[in-house]
C-alpha atoms as a PDB file:
ATOM      1  CA  MET A   1     109.986 106.311 130.543  1.00  0.00           C
ATOM      2  CA  THR A   2     111.846 103.988 128.171  1.00  0.00           C
ATOM      3  CA  THR A   3     111.186 104.562 124.466  1.00  0.00           C
ATOM      4  CA  LEU A   4     111.320 102.098 121.577  1.00  0.00           C
ATOM      5  CA  LEU A   5     111.503 103.767 118.176  1.00  0.00           C
ATOM      6  CA  TYR A   6     110.657 101.496 115.236  1.00  0.00           C
ATOM      7  CA  LEU A   7     111.731 102.626 111.747  1.00  0.00           C
ATOM      8  CA  HIS A   8     109.980 100.927 108.845  1.00  0.00           C
ATOM      9  CA  GLY A   9     111.375 100.236 105.389  1.00  0.00           C
ATOM     10  CA  TYR A  10     111.336 102.394 102.291  1.00  0.00           C
ATOM     11  CA  ASN A  11     107.934 103.156 100.796  1.00  0.00           C
ATOM     12  CA  SER A  12     106.245 101.432 103.737  1.00  0.00           C
ATOM     13  CA  SER A  13     104.445 102.840 106.769  1.00  0.00           C
ATOM     14  CA  SER A  14     103.742 102.538 110.477  1.00  0.00           C
ATOM     15  CA  GLN A  15     101.135  99.936 109.521  1.00  0.00           C
ATOM     16  CA  SER A  16     103.709  97.468 108.197  1.00  0.00           C
ATOM     17  CA  LYS A  17     103.521  93.909 109.497  1.00  0.00           C
ATOM     18  CA  LYS A  18     106.738  94.115 111.571  1.00  0.00           C
ATOM     19  CA  ALA A  19     105.782  97.499 113.032  1.00  0.00           C
ATOM     20  CA  LEU A  20     102.416  96.140 114.159  1.00  0.00           C
ATOM     21  CA  GLN A  21     103.987  92.953 115.537  1.00  0.00           C
ATOM     22  CA  THR A  22     106.370  95.098 117.580  1.00  0.00           C
ATOM     23  CA  LYS A  23     103.583  97.359 118.820  1.00  0.00           C
ATOM     24  CA  HIS A  24     101.488  94.381 119.967  1.00  0.00           C
ATOM     25  CA  TRP A  25     104.482  92.652 121.603  1.00  0.00           C
ATOM     26  CA  ILE A  26     105.328  95.808 123.575  1.00  0.00           C
ATOM     27  CA  ALA A  27     101.708  96.227 124.679  1.00  0.00           C
ATOM     28  CA  SER A  28     101.636  92.645 125.984  1.00  0.00           C
ATOM     29  CA  ASN A  29     105.165  92.257 127.361  1.00  0.00           C
ATOM     30  CA  ALA A  30     106.502  95.721 128.221  1.00  0.00           C
ATOM     31  CA  PRO A  31     103.589  98.153 128.616  1.00  0.00           C
ATOM     32  CA  TYR A  32     105.850 100.627 130.439  1.00  0.00           C
ATOM     33  CA  VAL A  33     107.703 101.242 127.161  1.00  0.00           C
ATOM     34  CA  ASP A  34     106.646 104.159 124.975  1.00  0.00           C
ATOM     35  CA  PHE A  35     106.382 102.691 121.447  1.00  0.00           C
ATOM     36  CA  ILE A  36     106.828 105.156 118.589  1.00  0.00           C
ATOM     37  CA  CYS A  37     106.635 104.314 114.896  1.00  0.00           C
ATOM     38  CA  PRO A  38     106.428 107.413 112.711  1.00  0.00           C
ATOM     39  CA  ASP A  39     105.441 107.328 109.065  1.00  0.00           C
ATOM     40  CA  LEU A  40     108.771 108.143 107.435  1.00  0.00           C
ATOM     41  CA  PRO A  41     108.815 110.283 104.313  1.00  0.00           C
ATOM     42  CA  PRO A  42     110.777 108.821 101.366  1.00  0.00           C
ATOM     43  CA  PHE A  43     113.205 111.757 101.435  1.00  0.00           C
ATOM     44  CA  ALA A  44     116.345 111.602 103.583  1.00  0.00           C
ATOM     45  CA  ASP A  45     116.401 115.196 104.830  1.00  0.00           C
ATOM     46  CA  CYS A  46     112.715 115.174 105.801  1.00  0.00           C
ATOM     47  CA  ALA A  47     112.986 111.782 107.494  1.00  0.00           C
ATOM     48  CA  MET A  48     116.081 112.757 109.495  1.00  0.00           C
ATOM     49  CA  LYS A  49     114.561 116.063 110.570  1.00  0.00           C
ATOM     50  CA  LEU A  50     111.547 114.187 111.951  1.00  0.00           C
ATOM     51  CA  LEU A  51     113.705 111.534 113.646  1.00  0.00           C
ATOM     52  CA  ASN A  52     116.139 114.035 115.178  1.00  0.00           C
ATOM     53  CA  THR A  53     113.161 115.855 116.711  1.00  0.00           C
ATOM     54  CA  ILE A  54     111.777 112.619 118.187  1.00  0.00           C
ATOM     55  CA  VAL A  55     115.128 111.538 119.656  1.00  0.00           C
ATOM     56  CA  GLU A  56     116.054 114.952 121.036  1.00  0.00           C
ATOM     57  CA  ALA A  57     112.667 115.301 122.748  1.00  0.00           C
ATOM     58  CA  ARG A  58     113.469 112.096 124.657  1.00  0.00           C
ATOM     59  CA  SER A  59     117.156 112.704 125.365  1.00  0.00           C
ATOM     60  CA  SER A  60     116.757 112.282 129.122  1.00  0.00           C
ATOM     61  CA  ARG A  61     115.376 108.741 128.936  1.00  0.00           C
ATOM     62  CA  PRO A  62     116.564 105.393 127.544  1.00  0.00           C
ATOM     63  CA  LEU A  63     115.757 105.009 123.851  1.00  0.00           C
ATOM     64  CA  GLY A  64     116.323 101.967 121.656  1.00  0.00           C
ATOM     65  CA  LEU A  65     115.923 101.613 117.910  1.00  0.00           C
ATOM     66  CA  ILE A  66     114.675  98.932 115.563  1.00  0.00           C
ATOM     67  CA  GLY A  67     115.244  99.525 111.871  1.00  0.00           C
ATOM     68  CA  SER A  68     114.120  97.403 108.944  1.00  0.00           C
ATOM     69  CA  SER A  69     115.709  97.833 105.498  1.00  0.00           C
ATOM     70  CA  MET A  70     115.820 101.623 104.864  1.00  0.00           C
ATOM     71  CA  GLY A  71     114.766 102.033 108.477  1.00  0.00           C
ATOM     72  CA  GLY A  72     118.039 100.308 109.320  1.00  0.00           C
ATOM     73  CA  PHE A  73     119.901 103.002 107.432  1.00  0.00           C
ATOM     74  CA  PHE A  74     118.104 105.789 109.295  1.00  0.00           C
ATOM     75  CA  ALA A  75     118.647 103.943 112.588  1.00  0.00           C
ATOM     76  CA  THR A  76     122.369 103.803 111.789  1.00  0.00           C
ATOM     77  CA  CYS A  77     122.444 107.567 111.253  1.00  0.00           C
ATOM     78  CA  LEU A  78     120.787 108.068 114.664  1.00  0.00           C
ATOM     79  CA  ILE A  79     122.982 105.529 116.471  1.00  0.00           C
ATOM     80  CA  GLU A  80     126.120 107.197 115.172  1.00  0.00           C
ATOM     81  CA  LYS A  81     124.893 110.703 116.033  1.00  0.00           C
ATOM     82  CA  TYR A  82     123.375 110.069 119.472  1.00  0.00           C
ATOM     83  CA  ASP A  83     125.265 106.958 120.698  1.00  0.00           C
ATOM     84  CA  LEU A  84     122.096 104.830 120.902  1.00  0.00           C
ATOM     85  CA  ARG A  85     121.602 101.068 120.689  1.00  0.00           C
ATOM     86  CA  GLY A  86     119.785  99.529 117.752  1.00  0.00           C
ATOM     87  CA  VAL A  87     118.681  96.272 116.184  1.00  0.00           C
ATOM     88  CA  LEU A  88     118.691  96.192 112.391  1.00  0.00           C
ATOM     89  CA  PHE A  89     116.958  93.764 110.035  1.00  0.00           C
ATOM     90  CA  ASN A  90     118.257  93.414 106.475  1.00  0.00           C
ATOM     91  CA  PRO A  91     119.519  97.018 106.696  1.00  0.00           C
ATOM     92  CA  ALA A  92     120.037  99.176 103.631  1.00  0.00           C
ATOM     93  CA  VAL A  93     123.754  99.996 103.345  1.00  0.00           C
ATOM     94  CA  SER A  94     124.590 103.267 101.551  1.00  0.00           C
ATOM     95  CA  PRO A  95     121.124 103.189  99.922  1.00  0.00           C
ATOM     96  CA  ALA A  96     121.766 105.997  97.459  1.00  0.00           C
ATOM     97  CA  ARG A  97     123.475 103.358  95.296  1.00  0.00           C
ATOM     98  CA  GLY A  98     120.198 101.600  94.555  1.00  0.00           C
ATOM     99  CA  LEU A  99     117.649 104.392  94.476  1.00  0.00           C
ATOM    100  CA  GLU A 100     117.880 105.137  90.747  1.00  0.00           C
ATOM    101  CA  SER A 101     115.200 102.517  90.122  1.00  0.00           C
ATOM    102  CA  TRP A 102     112.831 104.643  92.233  1.00  0.00           C
ATOM    103  CA  LEU A 103     113.209 107.791  90.116  1.00  0.00           C
ATOM    104  CA  GLY A 104     109.831 109.157  89.040  1.00  0.00           C
ATOM    105  CA  VAL A 105     106.359 108.611  90.474  1.00  0.00           C
ATOM    106  CA  ASN A 106     105.896 105.914  93.129  1.00  0.00           C
ATOM    107  CA  GLU A 107     103.007 104.642  95.229  1.00  0.00           C
ATOM    108  CA  ASN A 108     103.341 103.690  98.903  1.00  0.00           C
ATOM    109  CA  TYR A 109     102.899  99.923  99.354  1.00  0.00           C
ATOM    110  CA  ILE A 110     100.505 100.300 102.263  1.00  0.00           C
ATOM    111  CA  THR A 111      98.840 103.711 102.104  1.00  0.00           C
ATOM    112  CA  GLY A 112      98.634 104.096  98.330  1.00  0.00           C
ATOM    113  CA  ASP A 113      99.928 107.679  98.578  1.00  0.00           C
ATOM    114  CA  GLN A 114     101.847 108.827  95.516  1.00  0.00           C
ATOM    115  CA  TRP A 115     105.215 110.594  95.652  1.00  0.00           C
ATOM    116  CA  THR A 116     107.980 111.509  93.216  1.00  0.00           C
ATOM    117  CA  LEU A 117     111.698 110.855  93.630  1.00  0.00           C
ATOM    118  CA  ARG A 118     114.127 113.161  91.816  1.00  0.00           C
ATOM    119  CA  SER A 119     117.878 112.782  91.328  1.00  0.00           C
ATOM    120  CA  GLN A 120     118.547 115.577  93.834  1.00  0.00           C
ATOM    121  CA  ASP A 121     116.589 113.562  96.432  1.00  0.00           C
ATOM    122  CA  ILE A 122     119.036 110.683  96.034  1.00  0.00           C
ATOM    123  CA  LYS A 123     121.921 113.043  96.820  1.00  0.00           C
ATOM    124  CA  GLU A 124     120.367 113.695 100.243  1.00  0.00           C
ATOM    125  CA  PHE A 125     120.973 110.044 101.142  1.00  0.00           C
ATOM    126  CA  ASN A 126     124.640 110.352 100.177  1.00  0.00           C
ATOM    127  CA  LYS A 127     125.057 113.446 102.354  1.00  0.00           C
ATOM    128  CA  ILE A 128     123.816 111.797 105.548  1.00  0.00           C
ATOM    129  CA  ASP A 129     125.448 108.377 104.998  1.00  0.00           C
ATOM    130  CA  PRO A 130     127.879 107.831 107.919  1.00  0.00           C
ATOM    131  CA  PRO A 131     131.371 107.289 106.451  1.00  0.00           C
ATOM    132  CA  LYS A 132     132.259 104.750 109.155  1.00  0.00           C
ATOM    133  CA  ILE A 133     130.602 102.817 111.972  1.00  0.00           C
ATOM    134  CA  ARG A 134     132.155 104.241 115.160  1.00  0.00           C
ATOM    135  CA  ARG A 135     129.678 102.986 117.779  1.00  0.00           C
ATOM    136  CA  GLN A 136     131.058  99.465 118.058  1.00  0.00           C
ATOM    137  CA  GLY A 137     128.868  97.249 120.212  1.00  0.00           C
ATOM    138  CA  ASN A 138     125.770  99.416 119.765  1.00  0.00           C
ATOM    139  CA  TYR A 139     124.340  97.239 116.985  1.00  0.00           C
ATOM    140  CA  LEU A 140     122.669  93.857 116.727  1.00  0.00           C
ATOM    141  CA  VAL A 141     122.209  93.058 113.039  1.00  0.00           C
ATOM    142  CA  PHE A 142     120.062  90.281 111.566  1.00  0.00           C
ATOM    143  CA  VAL A 143     120.405  89.390 107.885  1.00  0.00           C
ATOM    144  CA  LYS A 144     119.007  86.663 105.667  1.00  0.00           C
ATOM    145  CA  THR A 145     121.166  85.171 102.917  1.00  0.00           C
ATOM    146  CA  GLY A 146     118.037  84.833 100.771  1.00  0.00           C
ATOM    147  CA  ASP A 147     117.291  88.577 100.836  1.00  0.00           C
ATOM    148  CA  GLU A 148     116.138  89.268  97.275  1.00  0.00           C
ATOM    149  CA  VAL A 149     116.350  93.077  97.627  1.00  0.00           C
ATOM    150  CA  LEU A 150     119.664  93.750  99.403  1.00  0.00           C
ATOM    151  CA  ASP A 151     122.989  91.902  99.473  1.00  0.00           C
ATOM    152  CA  TYR A 152     123.398  90.626 103.038  1.00  0.00           C
ATOM    153  CA  GLN A 153     127.186  90.701 102.616  1.00  0.00           C
ATOM    154  CA  ASP A 154     127.066  94.515 102.411  1.00  0.00           C
ATOM    155  CA  ALA A 155     125.681  94.558 105.956  1.00  0.00           C
ATOM    156  CA  GLU A 156     128.252  92.005 107.139  1.00  0.00           C
ATOM    157  CA  THR A 157     131.024  94.288 105.900  1.00  0.00           C
ATOM    158  CA  ARG A 158     129.451  97.533 107.084  1.00  0.00           C
ATOM    159  CA  TYR A 159     128.780  96.404 110.655  1.00  0.00           C
ATOM    160  CA  THR A 160     131.983  94.424 111.256  1.00  0.00           C
ATOM    161  CA  GLY A 161     132.856  94.508 114.958  1.00  0.00           C
ATOM    162  CA  ASN A 162     129.211  94.338 116.027  1.00  0.00           C
ATOM    163  CA  LYS A 163     127.033  91.300 116.664  1.00  0.00           C
ATOM    164  CA  ILE A 164     125.755  90.064 113.301  1.00  0.00           C
ATOM    165  CA  VAL A 165     123.376  87.125 112.976  1.00  0.00           C
ATOM    166  CA  VAL A 166     123.439  85.626 109.472  1.00  0.00           C
ATOM    167  CA  GLU A 167     120.508  83.291 108.840  1.00  0.00           C
ATOM    168  CA  GLN A 168     120.415  81.028 105.817  1.00  0.00           C
ATOM    169  CA  GLY A 169     117.624  81.430 103.288  1.00  0.00           C
ATOM    170  CA  GLY A 170     114.655  83.599 104.099  1.00  0.00           C
ATOM    171  CA  ASP A 171     113.799  86.789 102.270  1.00  0.00           C
ATOM    172  CA  HIS A 172     113.818  90.564 102.623  1.00  0.00           C
ATOM    173  CA  SER A 173     110.575  90.662 104.606  1.00  0.00           C
ATOM    174  CA  PHE A 174     112.146  88.621 107.443  1.00  0.00           C
ATOM    175  CA  LYS A 175     109.041  86.497 108.024  1.00  0.00           C
ATOM    176  CA  ASP A 176     110.131  85.138 111.425  1.00  0.00           C
ATOM    177  CA  TYR A 177     110.775  88.624 112.805  1.00  0.00           C
ATOM    178  CA  ASP A 178     108.232  88.218 115.606  1.00  0.00           C
ATOM    179  CA  GLN A 179     110.292  85.331 117.044  1.00  0.00           C
ATOM    180  CA  LYS A 180     113.176  87.762 117.658  1.00  0.00           C
ATOM    181  CA  LEU A 181     111.307  90.306 119.768  1.00  0.00           C
ATOM    182  CA  SER A 182     112.410  89.001 123.162  1.00  0.00           C
ATOM    183  CA  ASP A 183     116.061  89.018 122.022  1.00  0.00           C
ATOM    184  CA  ILE A 184     115.635  92.510 120.585  1.00  0.00           C
ATOM    185  CA  PHE A 185     114.229  93.835 123.819  1.00  0.00           C
ATOM    186  CA  ARG A 186     116.999  92.258 125.903  1.00  0.00           C
ATOM    187  CA  PHE A 187     119.700  93.735 123.671  1.00  0.00           C
ATOM    188  CA  LEU A 188     118.188  97.216 123.689  1.00  0.00           C
ATOM    189  CA  PHE A 189     117.200  97.571 127.318  1.00  0.00           C
ATOM    190  CA  THR A 190     118.951  95.082 129.596  1.00  0.00           C
ATOM    191  CA  ILE A 191     121.845  97.475 130.241  1.00  0.00           C
ATOM    192  CA  ASN A 192     119.814 100.624 130.801  1.00  0.00           C
ATOM    193  CA  SER A 193     116.305  99.433 131.633  1.00  0.00           C
ATOM    194  CA  THR A 194     114.215 101.742 133.818  1.00  0.00           C
ATOM    195  CA  ASN A 195     111.251  99.501 134.518  1.00  0.00           C
END
């Protein structure tokens, strides 16, 4: 069975708007696809341990990734490690650089759960950050120039050599995400579809 793994943004959850849009689109348009969207912890080592387990349990079947914001960073780590294909939306590039503003107690945007980020937690992100993108052609990257959280030009530089779609205006939430789902699916599964 084909698997689609959706990775939500930082301090979000599997109940985010884009995650739910993806889940509903898959149910209506590709019900043979196993949709997985785990609730990612805000700590790099814990998140990667969970994601490695998910990917390795499905190593014998096609698996595609969608990553939004910090989910794009984690997707990049998985793509580089396992030679997967992924579609990224406003991906976080080397996110340890901007996590200082999260130090201390935080509350999840969707669940309301509280958690604390320490300086040693930020170092975990540095340790897993791929030094270079080696899997050329494995990425489709969408960025908005109006992203108020991340600099879209960081992603342009980071993913050079891959297909990058730069859209004018917009914002970090990527409000027209649902209009991209057919293109996402084609990119991820046209080559190795098992339907």
